[in-house]
Amino acid sequence: MPIKKYTTEQIIGLLRDAEILLAEGNTVAMASKKLGIAEQTYYRWRKEYGGMKVSHAKRLKDLEKENSRLKKLLAEAELDKAILKEAASGNF
């Protein structure tokens, strides 16, 4: 079975649909099956996106991207600094 990639908006929509199904008396297994996702996926999504609005989830993803970018820049700067220190000490 091919892996589906859901957008943040789709995930939050599916979580809302799942909550409606659960409120109607369905089990998590039945709700997951009706939505076409694995039960474990439901729990993972609920842990990550539970109670979030779409705008909050988008902001979280943007901040995670920015954090990753800044970590890469810091690593590159530290590497440059180490190279310059070694070159300045004369150990070629």
PDB file of N, CA and C in Angstrom:
ATOM      1  N   MET A   1       0.845  -1.173   0.000  1.00  0.00           N
ATOM      2  CA  MET A   1       0.000   0.000   0.000  1.00  0.00           C
ATOM      3  C   MET A   1       0.895   1.243   0.000  1.00  0.00           C
ATOM      4  N   PRO A   2       0.662   2.198  -0.902  1.00  0.00           N
ATOM      5  CA  PRO A   2       1.508   3.378  -0.967  1.00  0.00           C
ATOM      6  C   PRO A   2       1.305   4.273   0.260  1.00  0.00           C
ATOM      7  N   ILE A   3       2.367   4.953   0.633  1.00  0.00           N
ATOM      8  CA  ILE A   3       2.299   5.859   1.769  1.00  0.00           C
ATOM      9  C   ILE A   3       1.707   7.179   1.294  1.00  0.00           C
ATOM     10  N   LYS A   4       0.690   7.656   2.030  1.00  0.00           N
ATOM     11  CA  LYS A   4       0.073   8.927   1.694  1.00  0.00           C
ATOM     12  C   LYS A   4       0.706  10.015   2.530  1.00  0.00           C
ATOM     13  N   LYS A   5       0.907  11.168   1.922  1.00  0.00           N
ATOM     14  CA  LYS A   5       1.459  12.312   2.628  1.00  0.00           C
ATOM     15  C   LYS A   5       0.327  13.318   2.812  1.00  0.00           C
ATOM     16  N   TYR A   6      -0.010  13.581   4.053  1.00  0.00           N
ATOM     17  CA  TYR A   6      -1.090  14.509   4.351  1.00  0.00           C
ATOM     18  C   TYR A   6      -0.519  15.865   4.734  1.00  0.00           C
ATOM     19  N   THR A   7      -1.222  16.922   4.331  1.00  0.00           N
ATOM     20  CA  THR A   7      -0.830  18.265   4.743  1.00  0.00           C
ATOM     21  C   THR A   7      -1.317  18.484   6.173  1.00  0.00           C
ATOM     22  N   THR A   8      -0.791  19.516   6.788  1.00  0.00           N
ATOM     23  CA  THR A   8      -1.191  19.843   8.153  1.00  0.00           C
ATOM     24  C   THR A   8      -2.689  20.102   8.232  1.00  0.00           C
ATOM     25  N   GLU A   9      -3.221  20.792   7.238  1.00  0.00           N
ATOM     26  CA  GLU A   9      -4.655  21.088   7.224  1.00  0.00           C
ATOM     27  C   GLU A   9      -5.475  19.803   7.141  1.00  0.00           C
ATOM     28  N   GLN A  10      -5.018  18.868   6.303  1.00  0.00           N
ATOM     29  CA  GLN A  10      -5.727  17.604   6.159  1.00  0.00           C
ATOM     30  C   GLN A  10      -5.685  16.804   7.456  1.00  0.00           C
ATOM     31  N   ILE A  11      -4.536  16.802   8.127  1.00  0.00           N
ATOM     32  CA  ILE A  11      -4.395  16.067   9.375  1.00  0.00           C
ATOM     33  C   ILE A  11      -5.349  16.615  10.433  1.00  0.00           C
ATOM     34  N   ILE A  12      -5.380  17.927  10.569  1.00  0.00           N
ATOM     35  CA  ILE A  12      -6.255  18.534  11.566  1.00  0.00           C
ATOM     36  C   ILE A  12      -7.719  18.266  11.223  1.00  0.00           C
ATOM     37  N   GLY A  13      -8.062  18.310   9.937  1.00  0.00           N
ATOM     38  CA  GLY A  13      -9.422  17.976   9.516  1.00  0.00           C
ATOM     39  C   GLY A  13      -9.784  16.537   9.832  1.00  0.00           C
ATOM     40  N   LEU A  14      -8.857  15.619   9.587  1.00  0.00           N
ATOM     41  CA  LEU A  14      -9.108  14.216   9.895  1.00  0.00           C
ATOM     42  C   LEU A  14      -9.235  13.985  11.396  1.00  0.00           C
ATOM     43  N   LEU A  15      -8.447  14.702  12.174  1.00  0.00           N
ATOM     44  CA  LEU A  15      -8.566  14.582  13.638  1.00  0.00           C
ATOM     45  C   LEU A  15      -9.930  15.077  14.110  1.00  0.00           C
ATOM     46  N   ARG A  16     -10.410  16.149  13.512  1.00  0.00           N
ATOM     47  CA  ARG A  16     -11.751  16.653  13.862  1.00  0.00           C
ATOM     48  C   ARG A  16     -12.814  15.623  13.484  1.00  0.00           C
ATOM     49  N   ASP A  17     -12.678  15.035  12.289  1.00  0.00           N
ATOM     50  CA  ASP A  17     -13.621  13.996  11.862  1.00  0.00           C
ATOM     51  C   ASP A  17     -13.580  12.807  12.807  1.00  0.00           C
ATOM     52  N   ALA A  18     -12.382  12.442  13.248  1.00  0.00           N
ATOM     53  CA  ALA A  18     -12.234  11.319  14.177  1.00  0.00           C
ATOM     54  C   ALA A  18     -12.917  11.622  15.497  1.00  0.00           C
ATOM     55  N   GLU A  19     -12.774  12.843  15.980  1.00  0.00           N
ATOM     56  CA  GLU A  19     -13.420  13.217  17.236  1.00  0.00           C
ATOM     57  C   GLU A  19     -14.941  13.139  17.115  1.00  0.00           C
ATOM     58  N   ILE A  20     -15.470  13.512  15.960  1.00  0.00           N
ATOM     59  CA  ILE A  20     -16.915  13.414  15.739  1.00  0.00           C
ATOM     60  C   ILE A  20     -17.340  11.948  15.761  1.00  0.00           C
ATOM     61  N   LEU A  21     -16.585  11.110  15.059  1.00  0.00           N
ATOM     62  CA  LEU A  21     -16.907   9.680  15.034  1.00  0.00           C
ATOM     63  C   LEU A  21     -16.814   9.071  16.430  1.00  0.00           C
ATOM     64  N   LEU A  22     -15.825   9.478  17.190  1.00  0.00           N
ATOM     65  CA  LEU A  22     -15.678   8.960  18.549  1.00  0.00           C
ATOM     66  C   LEU A  22     -16.824   9.428  19.445  1.00  0.00           C
ATOM     67  N   ALA A  23     -17.275  10.661  19.245  1.00  0.00           N
ATOM     68  CA  ALA A  23     -18.395  11.188  20.027  1.00  0.00           C
ATOM     69  C   ALA A  23     -19.688  10.456  19.705  1.00  0.00           C
ATOM     70  N   GLU A  24     -19.782   9.913  18.489  1.00  0.00           N
ATOM     71  CA  GLU A  24     -20.966   9.147  18.087  1.00  0.00           C
ATOM     72  C   GLU A  24     -20.956   7.742  18.661  1.00  0.00           C
ATOM     73  N   GLY A  25     -19.885   7.385  19.346  1.00  0.00           N
ATOM     74  CA  GLY A  25     -19.828   6.077  19.985  1.00  0.00           C
ATOM     75  C   GLY A  25     -18.952   5.062  19.280  1.00  0.00           C
ATOM     76  N   ASN A  26     -18.261   5.471  18.238  1.00  0.00           N
ATOM     77  CA  ASN A  26     -17.349   4.560  17.549  1.00  0.00           C
ATOM     78  C   ASN A  26     -16.080   4.369  18.374  1.00  0.00           C
ATOM     79  N   THR A  27     -15.422   3.259  18.164  1.00  0.00           N
ATOM     80  CA  THR A  27     -14.124   3.043  18.797  1.00  0.00           C
ATOM     81  C   THR A  27     -13.058   3.715  17.944  1.00  0.00           C
ATOM     82  N   VAL A  28     -11.859   3.844  18.504  1.00  0.00           N
ATOM     83  CA  VAL A  28     -10.750   4.442  17.751  1.00  0.00           C
ATOM     84  C   VAL A  28     -10.456   3.590  16.524  1.00  0.00           C
ATOM     85  N   ALA A  29     -10.508   2.283  16.683  1.00  0.00           N
ATOM     86  CA  ALA A  29     -10.240   1.387  15.556  1.00  0.00           C
ATOM     87  C   ALA A  29     -11.252   1.607  14.430  1.00  0.00           C
ATOM     88  N   MET A  30     -12.528   1.726  14.786  1.00  0.00           N
ATOM     89  CA  MET A  30     -13.563   1.931  13.760  1.00  0.00           C
ATOM     90  C   MET A  30     -13.420   3.307  13.108  1.00  0.00           C
ATOM     91  N   ALA A  31     -13.150   4.323  13.915  1.00  0.00           N
ATOM     92  CA  ALA A  31     -12.998   5.678  13.376  1.00  0.00           C
ATOM     93  C   ALA A  31     -11.793   5.753  12.441  1.00  0.00           C
ATOM     94  N   SER A  32     -10.697   5.129  12.840  1.00  0.00           N
ATOM     95  CA  SER A  32      -9.500   5.132  12.006  1.00  0.00           C
ATOM     96  C   SER A  32      -9.757   4.445  10.678  1.00  0.00           C
ATOM     97  N   LYS A  33     -10.452   3.326  10.736  1.00  0.00           N
ATOM     98  CA  LYS A  33     -10.749   2.584   9.511  1.00  0.00           C
ATOM     99  C   LYS A  33     -11.633   3.408   8.577  1.00  0.00           C
ATOM    100  N   LYS A  34     -12.637   4.093   9.139  1.00  0.00           N
ATOM    101  CA  LYS A  34     -13.519   4.927   8.318  1.00  0.00           C
ATOM    102  C   LYS A  34     -12.759   6.086   7.668  1.00  0.00           C
ATOM    103  N   LEU A  35     -11.742   6.586   8.359  1.00  0.00           N
ATOM    104  CA  LEU A  35     -10.955   7.700   7.825  1.00  0.00           C
ATOM    105  C   LEU A  35      -9.829   7.238   6.905  1.00  0.00           C
ATOM    106  N   GLY A  36      -9.549   5.938   6.901  1.00  0.00           N
ATOM    107  CA  GLY A  36      -8.515   5.399   6.025  1.00  0.00           C
ATOM    108  C   GLY A  36      -7.109   5.584   6.553  1.00  0.00           C
ATOM    109  N   ILE A  37      -6.982   5.629   7.877  1.00  0.00           N
ATOM    110  CA  ILE A  37      -5.655   5.763   8.485  1.00  0.00           C
ATOM    111  C   ILE A  37      -5.466   4.645   9.502  1.00  0.00           C
ATOM    112  N   ALA A  38      -4.225   4.399   9.847  1.00  0.00           N
ATOM    113  CA  ALA A  38      -3.933   3.379  10.852  1.00  0.00           C
ATOM    114  C   ALA A  38      -4.233   3.948  12.239  1.00  0.00           C
ATOM    115  N   GLU A  39      -4.566   3.059  13.145  1.00  0.00           N
ATOM    116  CA  GLU A  39      -4.861   3.469  14.513  1.00  0.00           C
ATOM    117  C   GLU A  39      -3.660   4.183  15.140  1.00  0.00           C
ATOM    118  N   GLN A  40      -2.465   3.652  14.886  1.00  0.00           N
ATOM    119  CA  GLN A  40      -1.244   4.266  15.423  1.00  0.00           C
ATOM    120  C   GLN A  40      -1.038   5.664  14.852  1.00  0.00           C
ATOM    121  N   THR A  41      -1.392   5.847  13.589  1.00  0.00           N
ATOM    122  CA  THR A  41      -1.284   7.169  12.969  1.00  0.00           C
ATOM    123  C   THR A  41      -2.191   8.159  13.677  1.00  0.00           C
ATOM    124  N   TYR A  42      -3.414   7.708  13.995  1.00  0.00           N
ATOM    125  CA  TYR A  42      -4.349   8.576  14.722  1.00  0.00           C
ATOM    126  C   TYR A  42      -3.731   9.033  16.040  1.00  0.00           C
ATOM    127  N   TYR A  43      -3.176   8.104  16.806  1.00  0.00           N
ATOM    128  CA  TYR A  43      -2.594   8.445  18.099  1.00  0.00           C
ATOM    129  C   TYR A  43      -1.385   9.382  17.956  1.00  0.00           C
ATOM    130  N   ARG A  44      -0.561   9.124  16.935  1.00  0.00           N
ATOM    131  CA  ARG A  44       0.619   9.981  16.697  1.00  0.00           C
ATOM    132  C   ARG A  44       0.185  11.396  16.328  1.00  0.00           C
ATOM    133  N   TRP A  45      -0.788  11.477  15.426  1.00  0.00           N
ATOM    134  CA  TRP A  45      -1.300  12.786  15.028  1.00  0.00           C
ATOM    135  C   TRP A  45      -1.937  13.505  16.202  1.00  0.00           C
ATOM    136  N   ARG A  46      -2.708  12.787  17.003  1.00  0.00           N
ATOM    137  CA  ARG A  46      -3.379  13.399  18.145  1.00  0.00           C
ATOM    138  C   ARG A  46      -2.355  13.944  19.126  1.00  0.00           C
ATOM    139  N   LYS A  47      -1.252  13.209  19.290  1.00  0.00           N
ATOM    140  CA  LYS A  47      -0.197  13.659  20.194  1.00  0.00           C
ATOM    141  C   LYS A  47       0.460  14.931  19.663  1.00  0.00           C
ATOM    142  N   GLU A  48       0.694  14.966  18.353  1.00  0.00           N
ATOM    143  CA  GLU A  48       1.391  16.101  17.758  1.00  0.00           C
ATOM    144  C   GLU A  48       0.477  17.296  17.498  1.00  0.00           C
ATOM    145  N   TYR A  49      -0.728  17.063  16.999  1.00  0.00           N
ATOM    146  CA  TYR A  49      -1.609  18.142  16.560  1.00  0.00           C
ATOM    147  C   TYR A  49      -2.875  18.287  17.387  1.00  0.00           C
ATOM    148  N   GLY A  50      -3.061  17.462  18.394  1.00  0.00           N
ATOM    149  CA  GLY A  50      -4.296  17.484  19.170  1.00  0.00           C
ATOM    150  C   GLY A  50      -4.608  18.856  19.739  1.00  0.00           C
ATOM    151  N   GLY A  51      -5.790  19.361  19.481  1.00  0.00           N
ATOM    152  CA  GLY A  51      -6.217  20.651  20.004  1.00  0.00           C
ATOM    153  C   GLY A  51      -5.671  21.857  19.265  1.00  0.00           C
ATOM    154  N   MET A  52      -4.901  21.635  18.214  1.00  0.00           N
ATOM    155  CA  MET A  52      -4.332  22.758  17.464  1.00  0.00           C
ATOM    156  C   MET A  52      -5.290  23.231  16.390  1.00  0.00           C
ATOM    157  N   LYS A  53      -5.178  24.509  16.129  1.00  0.00           N
ATOM    158  CA  LYS A  53      -5.866  25.061  14.965  1.00  0.00           C
ATOM    159  C   LYS A  53      -4.874  25.033  13.815  1.00  0.00           C
ATOM    160  N   VAL A  54      -5.381  25.163  12.616  1.00  0.00           N
ATOM    161  CA  VAL A  54      -4.530  25.098  11.428  1.00  0.00           C
ATOM    162  C   VAL A  54      -3.446  26.166  11.475  1.00  0.00           C
ATOM    163  N   SER A  55      -3.799  27.362  11.900  1.00  0.00           N
ATOM    164  CA  SER A  55      -2.814  28.448  11.933  1.00  0.00           C
ATOM    165  C   SER A  55      -1.691  28.149  12.925  1.00  0.00           C
ATOM    166  N   HIS A  56      -2.028  27.544  14.057  1.00  0.00           N
ATOM    167  CA  HIS A  56      -1.000  27.190  15.038  1.00  0.00           C
ATOM    168  C   HIS A  56      -0.080  26.108  14.490  1.00  0.00           C
ATOM    169  N   ALA A  57      -0.652  25.139  13.811  1.00  0.00           N
ATOM    170  CA  ALA A  57       0.153  24.047  13.258  1.00  0.00           C
ATOM    171  C   ALA A  57       1.097  24.570  12.181  1.00  0.00           C
ATOM    172  N   LYS A  58       0.607  25.477  11.350  1.00  0.00           N
ATOM    173  CA  LYS A  58       1.463  26.067  10.312  1.00  0.00           C
ATOM    174  C   LYS A  58       2.610  26.837  10.955  1.00  0.00           C
ATOM    175  N   ARG A  59       2.298  27.593  11.984  1.00  0.00           N
ATOM    176  CA  ARG A  59       3.325  28.373  12.680  1.00  0.00           C
ATOM    177  C   ARG A  59       4.372  27.451  13.294  1.00  0.00           C
ATOM    178  N   LEU A  60       3.927  26.339  13.877  1.00  0.00           N
ATOM    179  CA  LEU A  60       4.847  25.372  14.468  1.00  0.00           C
ATOM    180  C   LEU A  60       5.784  24.811  13.407  1.00  0.00           C
ATOM    181  N   LYS A  61       5.255  24.433  12.256  1.00  0.00           N
ATOM    182  CA  LYS A  61       6.084  23.895  11.178  1.00  0.00           C
ATOM    183  C   LYS A  61       7.078  24.941  10.681  1.00  0.00           C
ATOM    184  N   ASP A  62       6.621  26.185  10.560  1.00  0.00           N
ATOM    185  CA  ASP A  62       7.521  27.261  10.123  1.00  0.00           C
ATOM    186  C   ASP A  62       8.656  27.456  11.122  1.00  0.00           C
ATOM    187  N   LEU A  63       8.333  27.415  12.411  1.00  0.00           N
ATOM    188  CA  LEU A  63       9.360  27.590  13.437  1.00  0.00           C
ATOM    189  C   LEU A  63      10.338  26.416  13.444  1.00  0.00           C
ATOM    190  N   GLU A  64       9.849  25.206  13.199  1.00  0.00           N
ATOM    191  CA  GLU A  64      10.732  24.043  13.134  1.00  0.00           C
ATOM    192  C   GLU A  64      11.691  24.158  11.955  1.00  0.00           C
ATOM    193  N   LYS A  65      11.195  24.636  10.812  1.00  0.00           N
ATOM    194  CA  LYS A  65      12.055  24.838   9.642  1.00  0.00           C
ATOM    195  C   LYS A  65      13.126  25.883   9.932  1.00  0.00           C
ATOM    196  N   GLU A  66      12.710  26.988  10.533  1.00  0.00           N
ATOM    197  CA  GLU A  66      13.640  28.068  10.852  1.00  0.00           C
ATOM    198  C   GLU A  66      14.696  27.586  11.847  1.00  0.00           C
ATOM    199  N   ASN A  67      14.284  26.827  12.836  1.00  0.00           N
ATOM    200  CA  ASN A  67      15.215  26.291  13.827  1.00  0.00           C
ATOM    201  C   ASN A  67      16.247  25.389  13.159  1.00  0.00           C
ATOM    202  N   SER A  68      15.804  24.550  12.261  1.00  0.00           N
ATOM    203  CA  SER A  68      16.702  23.658  11.536  1.00  0.00           C
ATOM    204  C   SER A  68      17.703  24.455  10.699  1.00  0.00           C
ATOM    205  N   ARG A  69      17.220  25.483  10.027  1.00  0.00           N
ATOM    206  CA  ARG A  69      18.083  26.328   9.200  1.00  0.00           C
ATOM    207  C   ARG A  69      19.145  27.024  10.052  1.00  0.00           C
ATOM    208  N   LEU A  70      18.723  27.531  11.202  1.00  0.00           N
ATOM    209  CA  LEU A  70      19.659  28.226  12.084  1.00  0.00           C
ATOM    210  C   LEU A  70      20.700  27.268  12.676  1.00  0.00           C
ATOM    211  N   LYS A  71      20.305  26.046  12.968  1.00  0.00           N
ATOM    212  CA  LYS A  71      21.254  25.053  13.478  1.00  0.00           C
ATOM    213  C   LYS A  71      22.322  24.747  12.430  1.00  0.00           C
ATOM    214  N   LYS A  72      21.914  24.645  11.173  1.00  0.00           N
ATOM    215  CA  LYS A  72      22.874  24.400  10.095  1.00  0.00           C
ATOM    216  C   LYS A  72      23.844  25.570   9.961  1.00  0.00           C
ATOM    217  N   LEU A  73      23.318  26.787  10.023  1.00  0.00           N
ATOM    218  CA  LEU A  73      24.178  27.971   9.935  1.00  0.00           C
ATOM    219  C   LEU A  73      25.174  28.018  11.090  1.00  0.00           C
ATOM    220  N   LEU A  74      24.725  27.679  12.277  1.00  0.00           N
ATOM    221  CA  LEU A  74      25.608  27.673  13.432  1.00  0.00           C
ATOM    222  C   LEU A  74      26.705  26.624  13.274  1.00  0.00           C
ATOM    223  N   ALA A  75      26.336  25.447  12.796  1.00  0.00           N
ATOM    224  CA  ALA A  75      27.323  24.382  12.587  1.00  0.00           C
ATOM    225  C   ALA A  75      28.371  24.817  11.565  1.00  0.00           C
ATOM    226  N   GLU A  76      27.942  25.458  10.492  1.00  0.00           N
ATOM    227  CA  GLU A  76      28.884  25.939   9.484  1.00  0.00           C
ATOM    228  C   GLU A  76      29.803  27.013  10.060  1.00  0.00           C
ATOM    229  N   ALA A  77      29.244  27.913  10.863  1.00  0.00           N
ATOM    230  CA  ALA A  77      30.050  28.976  11.460  1.00  0.00           C
ATOM    231  C   ALA A  77      31.081  28.396  12.425  1.00  0.00           C
ATOM    232  N   GLU A  78      30.672  27.397  13.207  1.00  0.00           N
ATOM    233  CA  GLU A  78      31.604  26.759  14.142  1.00  0.00           C
ATOM    234  C   GLU A  78      32.718  26.038  13.395  1.00  0.00           C
ATOM    235  N   LEU A  79      32.393  25.422  12.279  1.00  0.00           N
ATOM    236  CA  LEU A  79      33.399  24.751  11.460  1.00  0.00           C
ATOM    237  C   LEU A  79      34.387  25.760  10.888  1.00  0.00           C
ATOM    238  N   ASP A  80      33.864  26.865  10.364  1.00  0.00           N
ATOM    239  CA  ASP A  80      34.736  27.930   9.847  1.00  0.00           C
ATOM    240  C   ASP A  80      35.647  28.465  10.947  1.00  0.00           C
ATOM    241  N   LYS A  81      35.103  28.652  12.118  1.00  0.00           N
ATOM    242  CA  LYS A  81      35.875  29.153  13.258  1.00  0.00           C
ATOM    243  C   LYS A  81      37.001  28.186  13.618  1.00  0.00           C
ATOM    244  N   ALA A  82      36.710  26.891  13.624  1.00  0.00           N
ATOM    245  CA  ALA A  82      37.731  25.890  13.952  1.00  0.00           C
ATOM    246  C   ALA A  82      38.831  25.862  12.894  1.00  0.00           C
ATOM    247  N   ILE A  83      38.451  25.997  11.633  1.00  0.00           N
ATOM    248  CA  ILE A  83      39.432  26.010  10.542  1.00  0.00           C
ATOM    249  C   ILE A  83      40.338  27.233  10.668  1.00  0.00           C
ATOM    250  N   LEU A  84      39.757  28.393  10.947  1.00  0.00           N
ATOM    251  CA  LEU A  84      40.545  29.618  11.091  1.00  0.00           C
ATOM    252  C   LEU A  84      41.481  29.546  12.293  1.00  0.00           C
ATOM    253  N   LYS A  85      41.010  28.949  13.383  1.00  0.00           N
ATOM    254  CA  LYS A  85      41.865  28.793  14.575  1.00  0.00           C
ATOM    255  C   LYS A  85      43.076  27.918  14.259  1.00  0.00           C
ATOM    256  N   GLU A  86      42.810  26.826  13.548  1.00  0.00           N
ATOM    257  CA  GLU A  86      43.902  25.908  13.199  1.00  0.00           C
ATOM    258  C   GLU A  86      44.893  26.582  12.250  1.00  0.00           C
ATOM    259  N   ALA A  87      44.368  27.339  11.290  1.00  0.00           N
ATOM    260  CA  ALA A  87      45.228  28.028  10.336  1.00  0.00           C
ATOM    261  C   ALA A  87      46.047  29.113  11.045  1.00  0.00           C
ATOM    262  N   ALA A  88      45.465  29.782  12.000  1.00  0.00           N
ATOM    263  CA  ALA A  88      46.160  30.839  12.707  1.00  0.00           C
ATOM    264  C   ALA A  88      47.267  30.295  13.609  1.00  0.00           C
ATOM    265  N   SER A  89      47.081  29.086  14.108  1.00  0.00           N
ATOM    266  CA  SER A  89      48.105  28.510  14.994  1.00  0.00           C
ATOM    267  C   SER A  89      49.284  27.956  14.210  1.00  0.00           C
ATOM    268  N   GLY A  90      49.163  27.855  12.903  1.00  0.00           N
ATOM    269  CA  GLY A  90      50.251  27.403  12.067  1.00  0.00           C
ATOM    270  C   GLY A  90      50.347  25.900  11.935  1.00  0.00           C
ATOM    271  N   ASN A  91      49.358  25.176  12.362  1.00  0.00           N
ATOM    272  CA  ASN A  91      49.351  23.712  12.227  1.00  0.00           C
ATOM    273  C   ASN A  91      48.661  23.327  10.924  1.00  0.00           C
ATOM    274  N   PHE A  92      49.422  23.279   9.875  1.00  0.00           N
ATOM    275  CA  PHE A  92      48.860  22.942   8.562  1.00  0.00           C
ATOM    276  C   PHE A  92      48.940  21.473   8.324  1.00  0.00           C
TER     277      PHE A  92
END
